[in-house]
Amino acid sequence: MSLTGFITDDSPLGFLSIQNLGTLIGFIVFIIFLFSILALFFGSRRTARKINYKVWSTPSKKSFSQLVILFVFGYIISYSLLNNGYYNFIVPTFIICYGFLLSLLNYSKYTSLYVFTIICIFIGLISLFFPAYWLYSLMALGVTHIGFGILVK
């Protein structure tokens, strides 16, 4: 596990052992993935009900299976990078894979989503070439999400 040199004396999670901390982080990642999937489902269900369209049609099942496959693929890549000690490549790989995921799931061919995809990949490349700024890259990805949401709505 990569948390072997982690000192928890000054941390609010100092009462946890390293193994429990790793389990907590894995549980948080699973919960975030689950809530993201549920938010996508209920958002699309509301839209589908407005236009009297069936939610679990063939395209939605295809999108869901692609999303799960791409998530598992990204998780395997990140986990193998973690196990092999390539810590500086985990965040750039995540951001770049996220950009490709957005591009692959853009069935409606929205130009704004392609621009957002290019921005995500660009942010991932910046964090790849400047590994000390991985936290700022994740924050830039969040700000880009907020800006994209404001511009589209």
C-alpha atoms as a PDB file:
ATOM      1  CA  MET A   1       0.000   0.000   0.000  1.00  0.00           C
ATOM      2  CA  SER A   2       1.280   3.501  -0.760  1.00  0.00           C
ATOM      3  CA  LEU A   3       0.375   4.872   2.672  1.00  0.00           C
ATOM      4  CA  THR A   4       3.251   3.105   4.445  1.00  0.00           C
ATOM      5  CA  GLY A   5       5.173   6.320   5.166  1.00  0.00           C
ATOM      6  CA  PHE A   6       2.071   8.295   6.094  1.00  0.00           C
ATOM      7  CA  ILE A   7       2.223   9.871   9.569  1.00  0.00           C
ATOM      8  CA  THR A   8      -1.199  10.409  11.097  1.00  0.00           C
ATOM      9  CA  ASP A   9      -0.208  12.316  14.242  1.00  0.00           C
ATOM     10  CA  ASP A  10      -1.440  15.729  13.073  1.00  0.00           C
ATOM     11  CA  SER A  11      -4.271  14.441  10.939  1.00  0.00           C
ATOM     12  CA  PRO A  12      -7.947  14.377  11.959  1.00  0.00           C
ATOM     13  CA  LEU A  13      -7.896  10.768  10.775  1.00  0.00           C
ATOM     14  CA  GLY A  14      -5.071   9.931  13.175  1.00  0.00           C
ATOM     15  CA  PHE A  15      -7.173   7.411  15.054  1.00  0.00           C
ATOM     16  CA  LEU A  16      -7.273   5.117  12.000  1.00  0.00           C
ATOM     17  CA  SER A  17      -4.611   2.582  11.171  1.00  0.00           C
ATOM     18  CA  ILE A  18      -3.026   2.713   7.725  1.00  0.00           C
ATOM     19  CA  GLN A  19      -5.052  -0.295   6.539  1.00  0.00           C
ATOM     20  CA  ASN A  20      -8.308   1.256   7.748  1.00  0.00           C
ATOM     21  CA  LEU A  21      -7.411   4.570   6.115  1.00  0.00           C
ATOM     22  CA  GLY A  22      -6.862   2.799   2.782  1.00  0.00           C
ATOM     23  CA  THR A  23     -10.208   1.048   3.189  1.00  0.00           C
ATOM     24  CA  LEU A  24     -11.893   4.375   3.990  1.00  0.00           C
ATOM     25  CA  ILE A  25     -10.442   5.982   0.864  1.00  0.00           C
ATOM     26  CA  GLY A  26     -11.617   3.042  -1.272  1.00  0.00           C
ATOM     27  CA  PHE A  27     -15.088   3.260   0.270  1.00  0.00           C
ATOM     28  CA  ILE A  28     -15.270   7.004  -0.443  1.00  0.00           C
ATOM     29  CA  VAL A  29     -14.296   6.416  -4.093  1.00  0.00           C
ATOM     30  CA  PHE A  30     -17.014   3.749  -4.394  1.00  0.00           C
ATOM     31  CA  ILE A  31     -19.656   6.031  -2.828  1.00  0.00           C
ATOM     32  CA  ILE A  32     -18.720   8.907  -5.163  1.00  0.00           C
ATOM     33  CA  PHE A  33     -18.988   6.586  -8.173  1.00  0.00           C
ATOM     34  CA  LEU A  34     -22.352   5.278  -6.971  1.00  0.00           C
ATOM     35  CA  PHE A  35     -23.770   8.768  -6.371  1.00  0.00           C
ATOM     36  CA  SER A  36     -22.503   9.929  -9.775  1.00  0.00           C
ATOM     37  CA  ILE A  37     -24.238   7.056 -11.521  1.00  0.00           C
ATOM     38  CA  LEU A  38     -27.444   7.691  -9.562  1.00  0.00           C
ATOM     39  CA  ALA A  39     -27.352  11.408 -10.406  1.00  0.00           C
ATOM     40  CA  LEU A  40     -26.939  10.612 -14.100  1.00  0.00           C
ATOM     41  CA  PHE A  41     -29.780   8.090 -13.936  1.00  0.00           C
ATOM     42  CA  PHE A  42     -32.271  10.335 -12.162  1.00  0.00           C
ATOM     43  CA  GLY A  43     -31.360  13.342 -14.323  1.00  0.00           C
ATOM     44  CA  SER A  44     -31.881  11.388 -17.517  1.00  0.00           C
ATOM     45  CA  ARG A  45     -35.060   9.816 -16.118  1.00  0.00           C
ATOM     46  CA  ARG A  46     -36.555  13.248 -15.476  1.00  0.00           C
ATOM     47  CA  THR A  47     -35.673  14.368 -18.992  1.00  0.00           C
ATOM     48  CA  ALA A  48     -37.027  11.159 -20.507  1.00  0.00           C
ATOM     49  CA  ARG A  49     -40.328  11.483 -18.658  1.00  0.00           C
ATOM     50  CA  LYS A  50     -40.800  15.023 -19.976  1.00  0.00           C
ATOM     51  CA  ILE A  51     -40.632  13.809 -23.565  1.00  0.00           C
ATOM     52  CA  ASN A  52     -42.439  10.492 -22.860  1.00  0.00           C
ATOM     53  CA  TYR A  53     -39.405   8.383 -23.674  1.00  0.00           C
ATOM     54  CA  LYS A  54     -38.393   5.065 -22.143  1.00  0.00           C
ATOM     55  CA  VAL A  55     -35.402   5.327 -19.771  1.00  0.00           C
ATOM     56  CA  TRP A  56     -33.885   1.860 -20.150  1.00  0.00           C
ATOM     57  CA  SER A  57     -33.755   1.692 -23.905  1.00  0.00           C
ATOM     58  CA  THR A  58     -30.988   0.088 -25.929  1.00  0.00           C
ATOM     59  CA  PRO A  59     -28.863   3.283 -26.176  1.00  0.00           C
ATOM     60  CA  SER A  60     -29.048   3.908 -22.425  1.00  0.00           C
ATOM     61  CA  LYS A  61     -28.033   0.311 -21.654  1.00  0.00           C
ATOM     62  CA  LYS A  62     -25.156   0.684 -24.110  1.00  0.00           C
ATOM     63  CA  SER A  63     -24.075   3.947 -22.449  1.00  0.00           C
ATOM     64  CA  PHE A  64     -24.235   2.388 -18.993  1.00  0.00           C
ATOM     65  CA  SER A  65     -22.179  -0.632 -20.029  1.00  0.00           C
ATOM     66  CA  GLN A  66     -19.594   1.614 -21.708  1.00  0.00           C
ATOM     67  CA  LEU A  67     -19.415   3.798 -18.596  1.00  0.00           C
ATOM     68  CA  VAL A  68     -18.837   0.816 -16.320  1.00  0.00           C
ATOM     69  CA  ILE A  69     -16.236  -0.699 -18.657  1.00  0.00           C
ATOM     70  CA  LEU A  70     -14.369   2.602 -18.977  1.00  0.00           C
ATOM     71  CA  PHE A  71     -14.481   3.157 -15.204  1.00  0.00           C
ATOM     72  CA  VAL A  72     -13.108  -0.326 -14.514  1.00  0.00           C
ATOM     73  CA  PHE A  73     -10.434   0.175 -17.179  1.00  0.00           C
ATOM     74  CA  GLY A  74      -9.404   3.527 -15.644  1.00  0.00           C
ATOM     75  CA  TYR A  75      -9.367   1.999 -12.165  1.00  0.00           C
ATOM     76  CA  ILE A  76      -7.141  -0.870 -13.326  1.00  0.00           C
ATOM     77  CA  ILE A  77      -4.730   1.580 -14.955  1.00  0.00           C
ATOM     78  CA  SER A  78      -4.599   3.780 -11.839  1.00  0.00           C
ATOM     79  CA  TYR A  79      -4.181   0.800  -9.535  1.00  0.00           C
ATOM     80  CA  SER A  80      -1.341  -0.621 -11.633  1.00  0.00           C
ATOM     81  CA  LEU A  81       0.374   2.780 -11.641  1.00  0.00           C
ATOM     82  CA  LEU A  82       0.013   2.888  -7.852  1.00  0.00           C
ATOM     83  CA  ASN A  83       1.404  -0.615  -7.367  1.00  0.00           C
ATOM     84  CA  ASN A  84       4.366   0.028  -9.648  1.00  0.00           C
ATOM     85  CA  GLY A  85       5.294   3.257  -7.878  1.00  0.00           C
ATOM     86  CA  TYR A  86       4.411   5.732 -10.627  1.00  0.00           C
ATOM     87  CA  TYR A  87       2.654   8.118  -8.248  1.00  0.00           C
ATOM     88  CA  ASN A  88       3.186  11.208 -10.399  1.00  0.00           C
ATOM     89  CA  PHE A  89       1.212   9.661 -13.265  1.00  0.00           C
ATOM     90  CA  ILE A  90      -1.994   8.752 -11.405  1.00  0.00           C
ATOM     91  CA  VAL A  91      -3.727  12.148 -11.491  1.00  0.00           C
ATOM     92  CA  PRO A  92      -2.736  12.991 -15.099  1.00  0.00           C
ATOM     93  CA  THR A  93      -3.921   9.559 -16.225  1.00  0.00           C
ATOM     94  CA  PHE A  94      -7.220  10.040 -14.404  1.00  0.00           C
ATOM     95  CA  ILE A  95      -7.830  13.469 -15.940  1.00  0.00           C
ATOM     96  CA  ILE A  96      -6.867  12.375 -19.462  1.00  0.00           C
ATOM     97  CA  CYS A  97      -9.001   9.203 -19.207  1.00  0.00           C
ATOM     98  CA  TYR A  98     -11.857  11.364 -17.943  1.00  0.00           C
ATOM     99  CA  GLY A  99     -11.517  13.567 -21.018  1.00  0.00           C
ATOM    100  CA  PHE A 100     -11.627  10.537 -23.309  1.00  0.00           C
ATOM    101  CA  LEU A 101     -14.631   9.201 -21.384  1.00  0.00           C
ATOM    102  CA  LEU A 102     -16.472  12.470 -22.016  1.00  0.00           C
ATOM    103  CA  SER A 103     -15.611  12.289 -25.678  1.00  0.00           C
ATOM    104  CA  LEU A 104     -16.762   8.688 -26.052  1.00  0.00           C
ATOM    105  CA  LEU A 105     -20.061   9.321 -24.278  1.00  0.00           C
ATOM    106  CA  ASN A 106     -20.897  12.436 -26.336  1.00  0.00           C
ATOM    107  CA  TYR A 107     -23.561  10.801 -28.501  1.00  0.00           C
ATOM    108  CA  SER A 108     -25.326  14.067 -29.300  1.00  0.00           C
ATOM    109  CA  LYS A 109     -22.113  15.511 -30.758  1.00  0.00           C
ATOM    110  CA  TYR A 110     -22.283  18.755 -28.794  1.00  0.00           C
ATOM    111  CA  THR A 111     -19.430  21.057 -29.758  1.00  0.00           C
ATOM    112  CA  SER A 112     -19.285  22.537 -26.262  1.00  0.00           C
ATOM    113  CA  LEU A 113     -18.694  19.075 -24.789  1.00  0.00           C
ATOM    114  CA  TYR A 114     -15.868  18.464 -27.240  1.00  0.00           C
ATOM    115  CA  VAL A 115     -14.294  21.762 -26.155  1.00  0.00           C
ATOM    116  CA  PHE A 116     -14.684  20.650 -22.534  1.00  0.00           C
ATOM    117  CA  THR A 117     -13.030  17.330 -23.453  1.00  0.00           C
ATOM    118  CA  ILE A 118     -10.075  19.136 -25.009  1.00  0.00           C
ATOM    119  CA  ILE A 119      -9.745  21.326 -21.913  1.00  0.00           C
ATOM    120  CA  CYS A 120      -9.762  18.232 -19.667  1.00  0.00           C
ATOM    121  CA  ILE A 121      -7.065  16.543 -21.718  1.00  0.00           C
ATOM    122  CA  PHE A 122      -5.039  19.782 -21.714  1.00  0.00           C
ATOM    123  CA  ILE A 123      -5.320  20.002 -17.897  1.00  0.00           C
ATOM    124  CA  GLY A 124      -4.184  16.367 -17.694  1.00  0.00           C
ATOM    125  CA  LEU A 125      -1.180  17.096 -19.900  1.00  0.00           C
ATOM    126  CA  ILE A 126      -0.243  20.095 -17.750  1.00  0.00           C
ATOM    127  CA  SER A 127      -0.304  17.937 -14.628  1.00  0.00           C
ATOM    128  CA  LEU A 128       1.728  15.308 -16.508  1.00  0.00           C
ATOM    129  CA  PHE A 129       4.510  17.744 -17.371  1.00  0.00           C
ATOM    130  CA  PHE A 130       4.369  19.575 -14.031  1.00  0.00           C
ATOM    131  CA  PRO A 131       3.775  16.828 -11.435  1.00  0.00           C
ATOM    132  CA  ALA A 132       4.044  19.202  -8.467  1.00  0.00           C
ATOM    133  CA  TYR A 133       0.806  20.889  -9.557  1.00  0.00           C
ATOM    134  CA  TRP A 134      -1.480  17.837  -9.507  1.00  0.00           C
ATOM    135  CA  LEU A 135      -3.704  19.351  -6.807  1.00  0.00           C
ATOM    136  CA  TYR A 136      -4.106  22.549  -8.818  1.00  0.00           C
ATOM    137  CA  SER A 137      -4.969  20.441 -11.857  1.00  0.00           C
ATOM    138  CA  LEU A 138      -7.774  18.724  -9.963  1.00  0.00           C
ATOM    139  CA  MET A 139      -9.028  22.098  -8.760  1.00  0.00           C
ATOM    140  CA  ALA A 140      -8.872  23.422 -12.338  1.00  0.00           C
ATOM    141  CA  LEU A 141     -10.929  20.419 -13.455  1.00  0.00           C
ATOM    142  CA  GLY A 142     -13.556  21.269 -10.822  1.00  0.00           C
ATOM    143  CA  VAL A 143     -13.624  24.946 -11.803  1.00  0.00           C
ATOM    144  CA  THR A 144     -13.912  23.923 -15.446  1.00  0.00           C
ATOM    145  CA  HIS A 145     -16.905  21.742 -14.547  1.00  0.00           C
ATOM    146  CA  ILE A 146     -18.589  24.649 -12.794  1.00  0.00           C
ATOM    147  CA  GLY A 147     -17.850  27.011 -15.685  1.00  0.00           C
ATOM    148  CA  PHE A 148     -19.107  24.477 -18.237  1.00  0.00           C
ATOM    149  CA  GLY A 149     -22.306  23.990 -16.254  1.00  0.00           C
ATOM    150  CA  ILE A 150     -22.910  27.737 -16.046  1.00  0.00           C
ATOM    151  CA  LEU A 151     -22.204  28.311 -19.745  1.00  0.00           C
ATOM    152  CA  VAL A 152     -24.390  25.444 -20.947  1.00  0.00           C
ATOM    153  CA  LYS A 153     -27.356  26.233 -18.707  1.00  0.00           C
END
